[in-house]
Amino acid sequence: MTLYSVDDPHSHRVRIVIAAKGLEVRVVECDPARPPEDLIDLNPFQSVPTLVDRDLVVYGAGIVSEYLDERFPAPALLPGDPAGRAQARVVLHRIEQDWYALVPSLESGERRDEQRARA
């Protein structure tokens, strides 16, 4: 399997799933401004994370994560009962809505700190 990835929360989410499952995956770090030619050919949106598993191409952090959990069921990342799975998905949704929105301001704070250190 190959994962096209960047340094962002969505790609990190998939990498966490890969680590939790103990999977061997080749990771291709991408420059969002200049995606690799093979990613352009594989994914019409050229978005990351994109996972290639043999002839299957899957993109979108949630879709890739669910695919990996279904393809490699042990250890299961979601509870076995529907209510437990729904609650876990609500938590993931809250993280995406509440925490991911903070990433740009955190990154700009890091840039300010770097600029102060250089001065």
PDB file of N, CA and C in Angstrom:
ATOM      1  N   MET A   1       0.843  -1.186   0.000  1.00  0.00           N
ATOM      2  CA  MET A   1       0.000   0.000   0.000  1.00  0.00           C
ATOM      3  C   MET A   1       0.881   1.239   0.000  1.00  0.00           C
ATOM      4  N   THR A   2       0.346   2.280  -0.599  1.00  0.00           N
ATOM      5  CA  THR A   2       1.036   3.566  -0.656  1.00  0.00           C
ATOM      6  C   THR A   2       0.080   4.644  -0.173  1.00  0.00           C
ATOM      7  N   LEU A   3       0.584   5.524   0.686  1.00  0.00           N
ATOM      8  CA  LEU A   3      -0.191   6.656   1.186  1.00  0.00           C
ATOM      9  C   LEU A   3       0.464   7.942   0.717  1.00  0.00           C
ATOM     10  N   TYR A   4      -0.286   8.753  -0.009  1.00  0.00           N
ATOM     11  CA  TYR A   4       0.158  10.093  -0.372  1.00  0.00           C
ATOM     12  C   TYR A   4      -0.302  11.015   0.747  1.00  0.00           C
ATOM     13  N   SER A   5       0.628  11.785   1.289  1.00  0.00           N
ATOM     14  CA  SER A   5       0.371  12.479   2.543  1.00  0.00           C
ATOM     15  C   SER A   5       1.058  13.838   2.564  1.00  0.00           C
ATOM     16  N   VAL A   6       0.556  14.721   3.411  1.00  0.00           N
ATOM     17  CA  VAL A   6       1.206  15.993   3.721  1.00  0.00           C
ATOM     18  C   VAL A   6       1.203  16.138   5.235  1.00  0.00           C
ATOM     19  N   ASP A   7       1.820  17.200   5.712  1.00  0.00           N
ATOM     20  CA  ASP A   7       1.867  17.456   7.149  1.00  0.00           C
ATOM     21  C   ASP A   7       0.623  18.258   7.540  1.00  0.00           C
ATOM     22  N   ASP A   8      -0.502  17.550   7.699  1.00  0.00           N
ATOM     23  CA  ASP A   8      -1.743  18.192   8.119  1.00  0.00           C
ATOM     24  C   ASP A   8      -2.554  17.215   8.964  1.00  0.00           C
ATOM     25  N   PRO A   9      -3.563  17.703   9.679  1.00  0.00           N
ATOM     26  CA  PRO A   9      -4.335  16.825  10.566  1.00  0.00           C
ATOM     27  C   PRO A   9      -5.017  15.663   9.853  1.00  0.00           C
ATOM     28  N   HIS A  10      -5.453  15.854   8.623  1.00  0.00           N
ATOM     29  CA  HIS A  10      -6.153  14.795   7.903  1.00  0.00           C
ATOM     30  C   HIS A  10      -5.204  13.632   7.592  1.00  0.00           C
ATOM     31  N   SER A  11      -4.030  13.962   7.105  1.00  0.00           N
ATOM     32  CA  SER A  11      -3.040  12.915   6.826  1.00  0.00           C
ATOM     33  C   SER A  11      -2.576  12.251   8.121  1.00  0.00           C
ATOM     34  N   HIS A  12      -2.416  13.048   9.176  1.00  0.00           N
ATOM     35  CA  HIS A  12      -2.003  12.472  10.456  1.00  0.00           C
ATOM     36  C   HIS A  12      -3.053  11.507  11.003  1.00  0.00           C
ATOM     37  N   ARG A  13      -4.318  11.816  10.774  1.00  0.00           N
ATOM     38  CA  ARG A  13      -5.384  10.906  11.206  1.00  0.00           C
ATOM     39  C   ARG A  13      -5.199   9.528  10.580  1.00  0.00           C
ATOM     40  N   VAL A  14      -4.916   9.496   9.273  1.00  0.00           N
ATOM     41  CA  VAL A  14      -4.710   8.219   8.587  1.00  0.00           C
ATOM     42  C   VAL A  14      -3.445   7.542   9.092  1.00  0.00           C
ATOM     43  N   ARG A  15      -2.401   8.315   9.321  1.00  0.00           N
ATOM     44  CA  ARG A  15      -1.153   7.735   9.833  1.00  0.00           C
ATOM     45  C   ARG A  15      -1.350   7.119  11.221  1.00  0.00           C
ATOM     46  N   ILE A  16      -2.204   7.720  12.029  1.00  0.00           N
ATOM     47  CA  ILE A  16      -2.507   7.151  13.347  1.00  0.00           C
ATOM     48  C   ILE A  16      -3.203   5.804  13.187  1.00  0.00           C
ATOM     49  N   VAL A  17      -4.151   5.715  12.259  1.00  0.00           N
ATOM     50  CA  VAL A  17      -4.841   4.449  11.987  1.00  0.00           C
ATOM     51  C   VAL A  17      -3.836   3.398  11.521  1.00  0.00           C
ATOM     52  N   ILE A  18      -2.946   3.779  10.611  1.00  0.00           N
ATOM     53  CA  ILE A  18      -1.924   2.851  10.111  1.00  0.00           C
ATOM     54  C   ILE A  18      -1.051   2.352  11.256  1.00  0.00           C
ATOM     55  N   ALA A  19      -0.642   3.251  12.132  1.00  0.00           N
ATOM     56  CA  ALA A  19       0.183   2.856  13.281  1.00  0.00           C
ATOM     57  C   ALA A  19      -0.589   1.952  14.235  1.00  0.00           C
ATOM     58  N   ALA A  20      -1.851   2.293  14.505  1.00  0.00           N
ATOM     59  CA  ALA A  20      -2.657   1.484  15.423  1.00  0.00           C
ATOM     60  C   ALA A  20      -2.870   0.073  14.888  1.00  0.00           C
ATOM     61  N   LYS A  21      -2.955  -0.028  13.572  1.00  0.00           N
ATOM     62  CA  LYS A  21      -3.152  -1.342  12.942  1.00  0.00           C
ATOM     63  C   LYS A  21      -1.833  -2.083  12.736  1.00  0.00           C
ATOM     64  N   GLY A  22      -0.701  -1.388  12.906  1.00  0.00           N
ATOM     65  CA  GLY A  22       0.600  -2.011  12.697  1.00  0.00           C
ATOM     66  C   GLY A  22       0.861  -2.358  11.245  1.00  0.00           C
ATOM     67  N   LEU A  23       0.388  -1.514  10.334  1.00  0.00           N
ATOM     68  CA  LEU A  23       0.497  -1.795   8.905  1.00  0.00           C
ATOM     69  C   LEU A  23       1.798  -1.247   8.322  1.00  0.00           C
ATOM     70  N   GLU A  24       2.303  -1.954   7.322  1.00  0.00           N
ATOM     71  CA  GLU A  24       3.471  -1.492   6.558  1.00  0.00           C
ATOM     72  C   GLU A  24       2.945  -0.761   5.338  1.00  0.00           C
ATOM     73  N   VAL A  25       3.164   0.532   5.288  1.00  0.00           N
ATOM     74  CA  VAL A  25       2.668   1.363   4.191  1.00  0.00           C
ATOM     75  C   VAL A  25       3.799   2.276   3.739  1.00  0.00           C
ATOM     76  N   ARG A  26       3.977   2.368   2.435  1.00  0.00           N
ATOM     77  CA  ARG A  26       4.951   3.327   1.882  1.00  0.00           C
ATOM     78  C   ARG A  26       4.284   4.695   1.883  1.00  0.00           C
ATOM     79  N   VAL A  27       4.946   5.675   2.482  1.00  0.00           N
ATOM     80  CA  VAL A  27       4.397   7.026   2.572  1.00  0.00           C
ATOM     81  C   VAL A  27       5.137   7.925   1.588  1.00  0.00           C
ATOM     82  N   VAL A  28       4.367   8.614   0.754  1.00  0.00           N
ATOM     83  CA  VAL A  28       4.919   9.573  -0.193  1.00  0.00           C
ATOM     84  C   VAL A  28       4.529  10.959   0.302  1.00  0.00           C
ATOM     85  N   GLU A  29       5.529  11.717   0.758  1.00  0.00           N
ATOM     86  CA  GLU A  29       5.281  13.093   1.210  1.00  0.00           C
ATOM     87  C   GLU A  29       5.072  13.959  -0.018  1.00  0.00           C
ATOM     88  N   CYS A  30       4.004  14.739  -0.013  1.00  0.00           N
ATOM     89  CA  CYS A  30       3.649  15.545  -1.182  1.00  0.00           C
ATOM     90  C   CYS A  30       3.774  17.030  -0.872  1.00  0.00           C
ATOM     91  N   ASP A  31       4.064  17.777  -1.909  1.00  0.00           N
ATOM     92  CA  ASP A  31       4.018  19.231  -1.851  1.00  0.00           C
ATOM     93  C   ASP A  31       2.656  19.619  -2.424  1.00  0.00           C
ATOM     94  N   PRO A  32       1.780  20.211  -1.606  1.00  0.00           N
ATOM     95  CA  PRO A  32       0.435  20.532  -2.108  1.00  0.00           C
ATOM     96  C   PRO A  32       0.449  21.444  -3.340  1.00  0.00           C
ATOM     97  N   ALA A  33       1.471  22.269  -3.450  1.00  0.00           N
ATOM     98  CA  ALA A  33       1.555  23.172  -4.600  1.00  0.00           C
ATOM     99  C   ALA A  33       1.973  22.449  -5.867  1.00  0.00           C
ATOM    100  N   ARG A  34       2.705  21.330  -5.717  1.00  0.00           N
ATOM    101  CA  ARG A  34       3.153  20.549  -6.871  1.00  0.00           C
ATOM    102  C   ARG A  34       2.963  19.065  -6.584  1.00  0.00           C
ATOM    103  N   PRO A  35       1.728  18.573  -6.722  1.00  0.00           N
ATOM    104  CA  PRO A  35       1.487  17.152  -6.445  1.00  0.00           C
ATOM    105  C   PRO A  35       2.252  16.263  -7.424  1.00  0.00           C
ATOM    106  N   PRO A  36       2.662  15.075  -6.970  1.00  0.00           N
ATOM    107  CA  PRO A  36       3.363  14.156  -7.864  1.00  0.00           C
ATOM    108  C   PRO A  36       2.476  13.741  -9.044  1.00  0.00           C
ATOM    109  N   GLU A  37       3.120  13.453 -10.155  1.00  0.00           N
ATOM    110  CA  GLU A  37       2.388  13.057 -11.364  1.00  0.00           C
ATOM    111  C   GLU A  37       1.484  11.850 -11.117  1.00  0.00           C
ATOM    112  N   ASP A  38       1.982  10.857 -10.367  1.00  0.00           N
ATOM    113  CA  ASP A  38       1.149   9.670 -10.150  1.00  0.00           C
ATOM    114  C   ASP A  38      -0.078   9.993  -9.319  1.00  0.00           C
ATOM    115  N   LEU A  39       0.008  10.943  -8.378  1.00  0.00           N
ATOM    116  CA  LEU A  39      -1.175  11.347  -7.618  1.00  0.00           C
ATOM    117  C   LEU A  39      -2.174  12.038  -8.534  1.00  0.00           C
ATOM    118  N   ILE A  40      -1.680  12.851  -9.446  1.00  0.00           N
ATOM    119  CA  ILE A  40      -2.555  13.534 -10.405  1.00  0.00           C
ATOM    120  C   ILE A  40      -3.319  12.504 -11.234  1.00  0.00           C
ATOM    121  N   ASP A  41      -2.639  11.432 -11.618  1.00  0.00           N
ATOM    122  CA  ASP A  41      -3.282  10.381 -12.405  1.00  0.00           C
ATOM    123  C   ASP A  41      -4.263   9.551 -11.584  1.00  0.00           C
ATOM    124  N   LEU A  42      -3.982   9.368 -10.295  1.00  0.00           N
ATOM    125  CA  LEU A  42      -4.792   8.490  -9.448  1.00  0.00           C
ATOM    126  C   LEU A  42      -6.051   9.151  -8.894  1.00  0.00           C
ATOM    127  N   ASN A  43      -5.945  10.412  -8.554  1.00  0.00           N
ATOM    128  CA  ASN A  43      -7.010  11.084  -7.814  1.00  0.00           C
ATOM    129  C   ASN A  43      -7.418  12.342  -8.582  1.00  0.00           C
ATOM    130  N   PRO A  44      -8.664  12.415  -9.056  1.00  0.00           N
ATOM    131  CA  PRO A  44      -9.079  13.578  -9.853  1.00  0.00           C
ATOM    132  C   PRO A  44      -9.018  14.892  -9.074  1.00  0.00           C
ATOM    133  N   PHE A  45      -9.039  14.812  -7.742  1.00  0.00           N
ATOM    134  CA  PHE A  45      -8.978  16.015  -6.910  1.00  0.00           C
ATOM    135  C   PHE A  45      -7.550  16.332  -6.472  1.00  0.00           C
ATOM    136  N   GLN A  46      -6.637  15.378  -6.681  1.00  0.00           N
ATOM    137  CA  GLN A  46      -5.236  15.514  -6.268  1.00  0.00           C
ATOM    138  C   GLN A  46      -5.131  15.843  -4.782  1.00  0.00           C
ATOM    139  N   SER A  47      -6.064  15.309  -3.999  1.00  0.00           N
ATOM    140  CA  SER A  47      -6.122  15.599  -2.575  1.00  0.00           C
ATOM    141  C   SER A  47      -5.377  14.531  -1.784  1.00  0.00           C
ATOM    142  N   VAL A  48      -4.970  14.926  -0.615  1.00  0.00           N
ATOM    143  CA  VAL A  48      -4.333  14.000   0.315  1.00  0.00           C
ATOM    144  C   VAL A  48      -5.082  14.069   1.630  1.00  0.00           C
ATOM    145  N   PRO A  49      -5.129  12.983   2.341  1.00  0.00           N
ATOM    146  CA  PRO A  49      -4.476  11.714   2.083  1.00  0.00           C
ATOM    147  C   PRO A  49      -5.187  10.916   0.983  1.00  0.00           C
ATOM    148  N   THR A  50      -4.359  10.229   0.200  1.00  0.00           N
ATOM    149  CA  THR A  50      -4.835   9.291  -0.812  1.00  0.00           C
ATOM    150  C   THR A  50      -4.116   7.977  -0.578  1.00  0.00           C
ATOM    151  N   LEU A  51      -4.868   6.888  -0.504  1.00  0.00           N
ATOM    152  CA  LEU A  51      -4.311   5.565  -0.281  1.00  0.00           C
ATOM    153  C   LEU A  51      -4.488   4.728  -1.536  1.00  0.00           C
ATOM    154  N   VAL A  52      -3.418   4.036  -1.922  1.00  0.00           N
ATOM    155  CA  VAL A  52      -3.474   3.098  -3.037  1.00  0.00           C
ATOM    156  C   VAL A  52      -3.221   1.712  -2.466  1.00  0.00           C
ATOM    157  N   ASP A  53      -4.195   0.825  -2.648  1.00  0.00           N
ATOM    158  CA  ASP A  53      -4.089  -0.567  -2.196  1.00  0.00           C
ATOM    159  C   ASP A  53      -4.363  -1.452  -3.409  1.00  0.00           C
ATOM    160  N   ARG A  54      -3.300  -1.952  -3.999  1.00  0.00           N
ATOM    161  CA  ARG A  54      -3.375  -2.713  -5.265  1.00  0.00           C
ATOM    162  C   ARG A  54      -4.052  -1.858  -6.325  1.00  0.00           C
ATOM    163  N   ASP A  55      -5.223  -2.253  -6.808  1.00  0.00           N
ATOM    164  CA  ASP A  55      -5.918  -1.506  -7.860  1.00  0.00           C
ATOM    165  C   ASP A  55      -6.927  -0.495  -7.309  1.00  0.00           C
ATOM    166  N   LEU A  56      -7.048  -0.413  -6.007  1.00  0.00           N
ATOM    167  CA  LEU A  56      -8.023   0.483  -5.382  1.00  0.00           C
ATOM    168  C   LEU A  56      -7.357   1.789  -4.977  1.00  0.00           C
ATOM    169  N   VAL A  57      -8.007   2.910  -5.287  1.00  0.00           N
ATOM    170  CA  VAL A  57      -7.551   4.233  -4.867  1.00  0.00           C
ATOM    171  C   VAL A  57      -8.648   4.826  -3.994  1.00  0.00           C
ATOM    172  N   VAL A  58      -8.288   5.222  -2.779  1.00  0.00           N
ATOM    173  CA  VAL A  58      -9.250   5.771  -1.818  1.00  0.00           C
ATOM    174  C   VAL A  58      -8.694   7.094  -1.310  1.00  0.00           C
ATOM    175  N   TYR A  59      -9.534   8.122  -1.247  1.00  0.00           N
ATOM    176  CA  TYR A  59      -9.069   9.406  -0.743  1.00  0.00           C
ATOM    177  C   TYR A  59     -10.101   9.996   0.199  1.00  0.00           C
ATOM    178  N   GLY A  60      -9.615  10.909   1.044  1.00  0.00           N
ATOM    179  CA  GLY A  60     -10.424  11.483   2.116  1.00  0.00           C
ATOM    180  C   GLY A  60     -10.094  10.765   3.404  1.00  0.00           C
ATOM    181  N   ALA A  61      -9.692  11.512   4.433  1.00  0.00           N
ATOM    182  CA  ALA A  61      -9.220  10.908   5.682  1.00  0.00           C
ATOM    183  C   ALA A  61     -10.236   9.948   6.296  1.00  0.00           C
ATOM    184  N   GLY A  62     -11.496  10.338   6.334  1.00  0.00           N
ATOM    185  CA  GLY A  62     -12.517   9.475   6.926  1.00  0.00           C
ATOM    186  C   GLY A  62     -12.722   8.196   6.130  1.00  0.00           C
ATOM    187  N   ILE A  63     -12.758   8.334   4.817  1.00  0.00           N
ATOM    188  CA  ILE A  63     -12.978   7.162   3.958  1.00  0.00           C
ATOM    189  C   ILE A  63     -11.787   6.220   4.033  1.00  0.00           C
ATOM    190  N   VAL A  64     -10.572   6.770   3.986  1.00  0.00           N
ATOM    191  CA  VAL A  64      -9.375   5.936   4.070  1.00  0.00           C
ATOM    192  C   VAL A  64      -9.321   5.228   5.417  1.00  0.00           C
ATOM    193  N   SER A  65      -9.611   5.948   6.496  1.00  0.00           N
ATOM    194  CA  SER A  65      -9.571   5.358   7.839  1.00  0.00           C
ATOM    195  C   SER A  65     -10.585   4.225   7.983  1.00  0.00           C
ATOM    196  N   GLU A  66     -11.801   4.447   7.499  1.00  0.00           N
ATOM    197  CA  GLU A  66     -12.825   3.403   7.573  1.00  0.00           C
ATOM    198  C   GLU A  66     -12.446   2.201   6.710  1.00  0.00           C
ATOM    199  N   TYR A  67     -11.902   2.463   5.532  1.00  0.00           N
ATOM    200  CA  TYR A  67     -11.469   1.360   4.664  1.00  0.00           C
ATOM    201  C   TYR A  67     -10.417   0.508   5.373  1.00  0.00           C
ATOM    202  N   LEU A  68      -9.419   1.156   5.957  1.00  0.00           N
ATOM    203  CA  LEU A  68      -8.353   0.405   6.633  1.00  0.00           C
ATOM    204  C   LEU A  68      -8.898  -0.386   7.814  1.00  0.00           C
ATOM    205  N   ASP A  69      -9.859   0.189   8.545  1.00  0.00           N
ATOM    206  CA  ASP A  69     -10.428  -0.519   9.689  1.00  0.00           C
ATOM    207  C   ASP A  69     -11.246  -1.729   9.241  1.00  0.00           C
ATOM    208  N   GLU A  70     -11.909  -1.623   8.105  1.00  0.00           N
ATOM    209  CA  GLU A  70     -12.686  -2.749   7.590  1.00  0.00           C
ATOM    210  C   GLU A  70     -11.793  -3.795   6.927  1.00  0.00           C
ATOM    211  N   ARG A  71     -10.778  -3.334   6.207  1.00  0.00           N
ATOM    212  CA  ARG A  71      -9.874  -4.270   5.511  1.00  0.00           C
ATOM    213  C   ARG A  71      -9.005  -5.049   6.480  1.00  0.00           C
ATOM    214  N   PHE A  72      -8.608  -4.400   7.573  1.00  0.00           N
ATOM    215  CA  PHE A  72      -7.777  -5.027   8.605  1.00  0.00           C
ATOM    216  C   PHE A  72      -8.528  -4.920   9.935  1.00  0.00           C
ATOM    217  N   PRO A  73      -9.463  -5.842  10.175  1.00  0.00           N
ATOM    218  CA  PRO A  73     -10.389  -5.700  11.310  1.00  0.00           C
ATOM    219  C   PRO A  73      -9.766  -5.832  12.701  1.00  0.00           C
ATOM    220  N   ALA A  74      -8.562  -6.346  12.809  1.00  0.00           N
ATOM    221  CA  ALA A  74      -7.961  -6.479  14.140  1.00  0.00           C
ATOM    222  C   ALA A  74      -6.690  -5.650  14.209  1.00  0.00           C
ATOM    223  N   PRO A  75      -6.558  -4.852  15.219  1.00  0.00           N
ATOM    224  CA  PRO A  75      -7.537  -4.523  16.250  1.00  0.00           C
ATOM    225  C   PRO A  75      -8.588  -3.546  15.706  1.00  0.00           C
ATOM    226  N   ALA A  76      -9.809  -3.722  16.135  1.00  0.00           N
ATOM    227  CA  ALA A  76     -10.902  -2.845  15.709  1.00  0.00           C
ATOM    228  C   ALA A  76     -10.714  -1.466  16.339  1.00  0.00           C
ATOM    229  N   LEU A  77     -10.923  -0.443  15.544  1.00  0.00           N
ATOM    230  CA  LEU A  77     -10.775   0.917  16.059  1.00  0.00           C
ATOM    231  C   LEU A  77     -12.092   1.506  16.544  1.00  0.00           C
ATOM    232  N   LEU A  78     -13.198   0.907  16.132  1.00  0.00           N
ATOM    233  CA  LEU A  78     -14.513   1.368  16.571  1.00  0.00           C
ATOM    234  C   LEU A  78     -15.169   0.277  17.399  1.00  0.00           C
ATOM    235  N   PRO A  79     -16.037   0.683  18.323  1.00  0.00           N
ATOM    236  CA  PRO A  79     -16.771  -0.305  19.114  1.00  0.00           C
ATOM    237  C   PRO A  79     -17.620  -1.211  18.220  1.00  0.00           C
ATOM    238  N   GLY A  80     -18.005  -2.356  18.738  1.00  0.00           N
ATOM    239  CA  GLY A  80     -18.774  -3.334  17.978  1.00  0.00           C
ATOM    240  C   GLY A  80     -20.246  -3.009  17.833  1.00  0.00           C
ATOM    241  N   ASP A  81     -20.801  -2.216  18.742  1.00  0.00           N
ATOM    242  CA  ASP A  81     -22.240  -1.937  18.696  1.00  0.00           C
ATOM    243  C   ASP A  81     -22.520  -0.625  17.958  1.00  0.00           C
ATOM    244  N   PRO A  82     -23.686  -0.516  17.333  1.00  0.00           N
ATOM    245  CA  PRO A  82     -24.017   0.680  16.553  1.00  0.00           C
ATOM    246  C   PRO A  82     -23.982   1.975  17.362  1.00  0.00           C
ATOM    247  N   ALA A  83     -24.476   1.931  18.598  1.00  0.00           N
ATOM    248  CA  ALA A  83     -24.476   3.147  19.418  1.00  0.00           C
ATOM    249  C   ALA A  83     -23.051   3.582  19.742  1.00  0.00           C
ATOM    250  N   GLY A  84     -22.194   2.648  20.051  1.00  0.00           N
ATOM    251  CA  GLY A  84     -20.796   2.965  20.338  1.00  0.00           C
ATOM    252  C   GLY A  84     -20.081   3.530  19.120  1.00  0.00           C
ATOM    253  N   ARG A  85     -20.348   2.960  17.944  1.00  0.00           N
ATOM    254  CA  ARG A  85     -19.748   3.471  16.709  1.00  0.00           C
ATOM    255  C   ARG A  85     -20.244   4.881  16.421  1.00  0.00           C
ATOM    256  N   ALA A  86     -21.547   5.114  16.647  1.00  0.00           N
ATOM    257  CA  ALA A  86     -22.110   6.446  16.419  1.00  0.00           C
ATOM    258  C   ALA A  86     -21.467   7.467  17.354  1.00  0.00           C
ATOM    259  N   GLN A  87     -21.286   7.102  18.611  1.00  0.00           N
ATOM    260  CA  GLN A  87     -20.649   8.021  19.558  1.00  0.00           C
ATOM    261  C   GLN A  87     -19.211   8.321  19.154  1.00  0.00           C
ATOM    262  N   ALA A  88     -18.483   7.317  18.706  1.00  0.00           N
ATOM    263  CA  ALA A  88     -17.107   7.525  18.265  1.00  0.00           C
ATOM    264  C   ALA A  88     -17.074   8.456  17.050  1.00  0.00           C
ATOM    265  N   ARG A  89     -18.012   8.290  16.150  1.00  0.00           N
ATOM    266  CA  ARG A  89     -18.060   9.154  14.963  1.00  0.00           C
ATOM    267  C   ARG A  89     -18.420  10.588  15.336  1.00  0.00           C
ATOM    268  N   VAL A  90     -19.276  10.765  16.340  1.00  0.00           N
ATOM    269  CA  VAL A  90     -19.600  12.116  16.810  1.00  0.00           C
ATOM    270  C   VAL A  90     -18.344  12.775  17.387  1.00  0.00           C
ATOM    271  N   VAL A  91     -17.555  12.023  18.140  1.00  0.00           N
ATOM    272  CA  VAL A  91     -16.311  12.563  18.696  1.00  0.00           C
ATOM    273  C   VAL A  91     -15.371  12.971  17.558  1.00  0.00           C
ATOM    274  N   LEU A  92     -15.227  12.121  16.542  1.00  0.00           N
ATOM    275  CA  LEU A  92     -14.385  12.461  15.399  1.00  0.00           C
ATOM    276  C   LEU A  92     -14.891  13.720  14.697  1.00  0.00           C
ATOM    277  N   HIS A  93     -16.202  13.827  14.562  1.00  0.00           N
ATOM    278  CA  HIS A  93     -16.791  15.009  13.929  1.00  0.00           C
ATOM    279  C   HIS A  93     -16.469  16.264  14.741  1.00  0.00           C
ATOM    280  N   ARG A  94     -16.585  16.175  16.063  1.00  0.00           N
ATOM    281  CA  ARG A  94     -16.268  17.316  16.928  1.00  0.00           C
ATOM    282  C   ARG A  94     -14.808  17.711  16.807  1.00  0.00           C
ATOM    283  N   ILE A  95     -13.928  16.726  16.742  1.00  0.00           N
ATOM    284  CA  ILE A  95     -12.501  17.024  16.571  1.00  0.00           C
ATOM    285  C   ILE A  95     -12.279  17.762  15.261  1.00  0.00           C
ATOM    286  N   GLU A  96     -12.877  17.250  14.179  1.00  0.00           N
ATOM    287  CA  GLU A  96     -12.719  17.895  12.878  1.00  0.00           C
ATOM    288  C   GLU A  96     -13.262  19.323  12.888  1.00  0.00           C
ATOM    289  N   GLN A  97     -14.417  19.531  13.504  1.00  0.00           N
ATOM    290  CA  GLN A  97     -15.045  20.850  13.494  1.00  0.00           C
ATOM    291  C   GLN A  97     -14.374  21.825  14.463  1.00  0.00           C
ATOM    292  N   ASP A  98     -14.064  21.355  15.665  1.00  0.00           N
ATOM    293  CA  ASP A  98     -13.558  22.249  16.703  1.00  0.00           C
ATOM    294  C   ASP A  98     -12.036  22.376  16.706  1.00  0.00           C
ATOM    295  N   TRP A  99     -11.341  21.269  16.619  1.00  0.00           N
ATOM    296  CA  TRP A  99      -9.877  21.291  16.755  1.00  0.00           C
ATOM    297  C   TRP A  99      -9.185  21.619  15.446  1.00  0.00           C
ATOM    298  N   TYR A 100      -9.629  21.028  14.335  1.00  0.00           N
ATOM    299  CA  TYR A 100      -8.970  21.288  13.055  1.00  0.00           C
ATOM    300  C   TYR A 100      -9.056  22.768  12.694  1.00  0.00           C
ATOM    301  N   ALA A 101     -10.128  23.422  13.107  1.00  0.00           N
ATOM    302  CA  ALA A 101     -10.285  24.844  12.814  1.00  0.00           C
ATOM    303  C   ALA A 101      -9.208  25.685  13.511  1.00  0.00           C
ATOM    304  N   LEU A 102      -8.615  25.167  14.572  1.00  0.00           N
ATOM    305  CA  LEU A 102      -7.590  25.900  15.316  1.00  0.00           C
ATOM    306  C   LEU A 102      -6.199  25.762  14.708  1.00  0.00           C
ATOM    307  N   VAL A 103      -6.000  24.806  13.844  1.00  0.00           N
ATOM    308  CA  VAL A 103      -4.671  24.526  13.295  1.00  0.00           C
ATOM    309  C   VAL A 103      -4.049  25.751  12.624  1.00  0.00           C
ATOM    310  N   PRO A 104      -4.763  26.487  11.752  1.00  0.00           N
ATOM    311  CA  PRO A 104      -4.118  27.647  11.119  1.00  0.00           C
ATOM    312  C   PRO A 104      -3.591  28.671  12.121  1.00  0.00           C
ATOM    313  N   SER A 105      -4.354  28.944  13.174  1.00  0.00           N
ATOM    314  CA  SER A 105      -3.881  29.924  14.153  1.00  0.00           C
ATOM    315  C   SER A 105      -2.688  29.380  14.952  1.00  0.00           C
ATOM    316  N   LEU A 106      -2.674  28.086  15.210  1.00  0.00           N
ATOM    317  CA  LEU A 106      -1.524  27.488  15.889  1.00  0.00           C
ATOM    318  C   LEU A 106      -0.289  27.552  14.997  1.00  0.00           C
ATOM    319  N   GLU A 107      -0.465  27.257  13.716  1.00  0.00           N
ATOM    320  CA  GLU A 107       0.664  27.305  12.787  1.00  0.00           C
ATOM    321  C   GLU A 107       1.185  28.725  12.629  1.00  0.00           C
ATOM    322  N   SER A 108       0.307  29.711  12.572  1.00  0.00           N
ATOM    323  CA  SER A 108       0.777  31.094  12.439  1.00  0.00           C
ATOM    324  C   SER A 108       1.493  31.530  13.705  1.00  0.00           C
ATOM    325  N   GLY A 109       1.085  31.007  14.854  1.00  0.00           N
ATOM    326  CA  GLY A 109       1.793  31.288  16.108  1.00  0.00           C
ATOM    327  C   GLY A 109       3.195  30.709  16.085  1.00  0.00           C
ATOM    328  N   GLU A 110       3.358  29.513  15.510  1.00  0.00           N
ATOM    329  CA  GLU A 110       4.682  28.912  15.382  1.00  0.00           C
ATOM    330  C   GLU A 110       5.553  29.762  14.475  1.00  0.00           C
ATOM    331  N   ARG A 111       4.981  30.285  13.399  1.00  0.00           N
ATOM    332  CA  ARG A 111       5.756  31.116  12.469  1.00  0.00           C
ATOM    333  C   ARG A 111       6.219  32.399  13.160  1.00  0.00           C
ATOM    334  N   ARG A 112       5.349  33.001  13.981  1.00  0.00           N
ATOM    335  CA  ARG A 112       5.740  34.204  14.720  1.00  0.00           C
ATOM    336  C   ARG A 112       6.893  33.892  15.656  1.00  0.00           C
ATOM    337  N   ASP A 113       6.817  32.722  16.347  1.00  0.00           N
ATOM    338  CA  ASP A 113       7.892  32.333  17.259  1.00  0.00           C
ATOM    339  C   ASP A 113       9.203  32.143  16.503  1.00  0.00           C
ATOM    340  N   GLU A 114       9.132  31.532  15.309  1.00  0.00           N
ATOM    341  CA  GLU A 114      10.338  31.323  14.491  1.00  0.00           C
ATOM    342  C   GLU A 114      10.929  32.661  14.068  1.00  0.00           C
ATOM    343  N   GLN A 115      10.059  33.614  13.696  1.00  0.00           N
ATOM    344  CA  GLN A 115      10.547  34.918  13.264  1.00  0.00           C
ATOM    345  C   GLN A 115      11.213  35.650  14.429  1.00  0.00           C
ATOM    346  N   ARG A 116      10.631  35.554  15.639  1.00  0.00           N
ATOM    347  CA  ARG A 116      11.234  36.177  16.819  1.00  0.00           C
ATOM    348  C   ARG A 116      12.587  35.556  17.124  1.00  0.00           C
ATOM    349  N   ALA A 117      12.698  34.248  16.965  1.00  0.00           N
ATOM    350  CA  ALA A 117      13.961  33.563  17.255  1.00  0.00           C
ATOM    351  C   ALA A 117      15.057  33.991  16.279  1.00  0.00           C
ATOM    352  N   ARG A 118      14.685  34.275  15.037  1.00  0.00           N
ATOM    353  CA  ARG A 118      15.665  34.694  14.043  1.00  0.00           C
ATOM    354  C   ARG A 118      16.119  36.139  14.259  1.00  0.00           C
ATOM    355  N   ALA A 119      15.256  36.964  14.859  1.00  0.00           N
ATOM    356  CA  ALA A 119      15.563  38.400  15.025  1.00  0.00           C
ATOM    357  C   ALA A 119      16.629  38.659  16.075  1.00  0.00           C
TER     358      ALA A 119
END
